[in-house]
Amino acid sequence: MTLLLNQSLLLESKSFRTEAITNFSDDKALEILAKAKAIIFAV
């Protein structure tokens, strides 16, 4: 996603969060998932 997201807008708007998530490419989604797994298993 090339759009820079305003963090407060993401916190306030459920529909904006959903839109932002659905606009990720499959490769970007897998990259984010891998990073989240690394954080979880590092703790």
Protein backbone atom coordinates (compact mmCIF):
# COMPACT_ATOMS: atom_id res chain seq x y z
CA MET A 1 0.00 0.00 0.00
CA THR A 2 1.47 3.33 -1.00
CA LEU A 3 -0.84 5.50 1.06
CA LEU A 4 0.60 6.64 4.38
CA LEU A 5 -2.00 5.89 7.01
CA ASN A 6 -2.84 8.24 9.84
CA GLN A 7 -2.67 6.16 13.04
CA SER A 8 -5.48 8.03 14.78
CA LEU A 9 -7.74 7.50 11.76
CA LEU A 10 -7.03 3.76 11.89
CA LEU A 11 -7.92 3.71 15.59
CA GLU A 12 -11.18 5.59 15.12
CA SER A 13 -12.58 4.13 11.91
CA LYS A 14 -13.38 0.42 11.66
CA SER A 15 -14.29 0.74 8.00
CA PHE A 16 -11.00 2.51 7.24
CA ARG A 17 -9.07 -0.26 9.02
CA THR A 18 -10.93 -2.91 7.03
CA GLU A 19 -10.27 -1.03 3.78
CA ALA A 20 -6.57 -0.68 4.60
CA ILE A 21 -6.25 -4.39 5.39
CA THR A 22 -8.05 -5.56 2.27
CA ASN A 23 -5.84 -3.39 0.04
CA PHE A 24 -2.65 -5.28 1.01
CA SER A 25 -1.16 -7.54 -1.64
CA ASP A 26 -0.71 -11.21 -0.75
CA ASP A 27 3.08 -10.77 -0.54
CA LYS A 28 2.77 -7.78 1.81
CA ALA A 29 0.27 -9.66 3.99
CA LEU A 30 2.63 -12.65 4.27
CA GLU A 31 5.51 -10.32 5.15
CA ILE A 32 3.46 -8.71 7.94
CA LEU A 33 2.35 -12.14 9.21
CA ALA A 34 5.96 -13.37 9.31
CA LYS A 35 7.00 -10.29 11.32
CA ALA A 36 4.09 -10.75 13.75
CA LYS A 37 5.01 -14.41 14.26
CA ALA A 38 8.64 -13.45 14.90
CA ILE A 39 7.56 -10.95 17.56
CA ILE A 40 5.22 -13.43 19.26
CA PHE A 41 7.75 -16.27 19.36
CA ALA A 42 10.57 -13.97 20.50
CA VAL A 43 8.72 -13.24 23.76
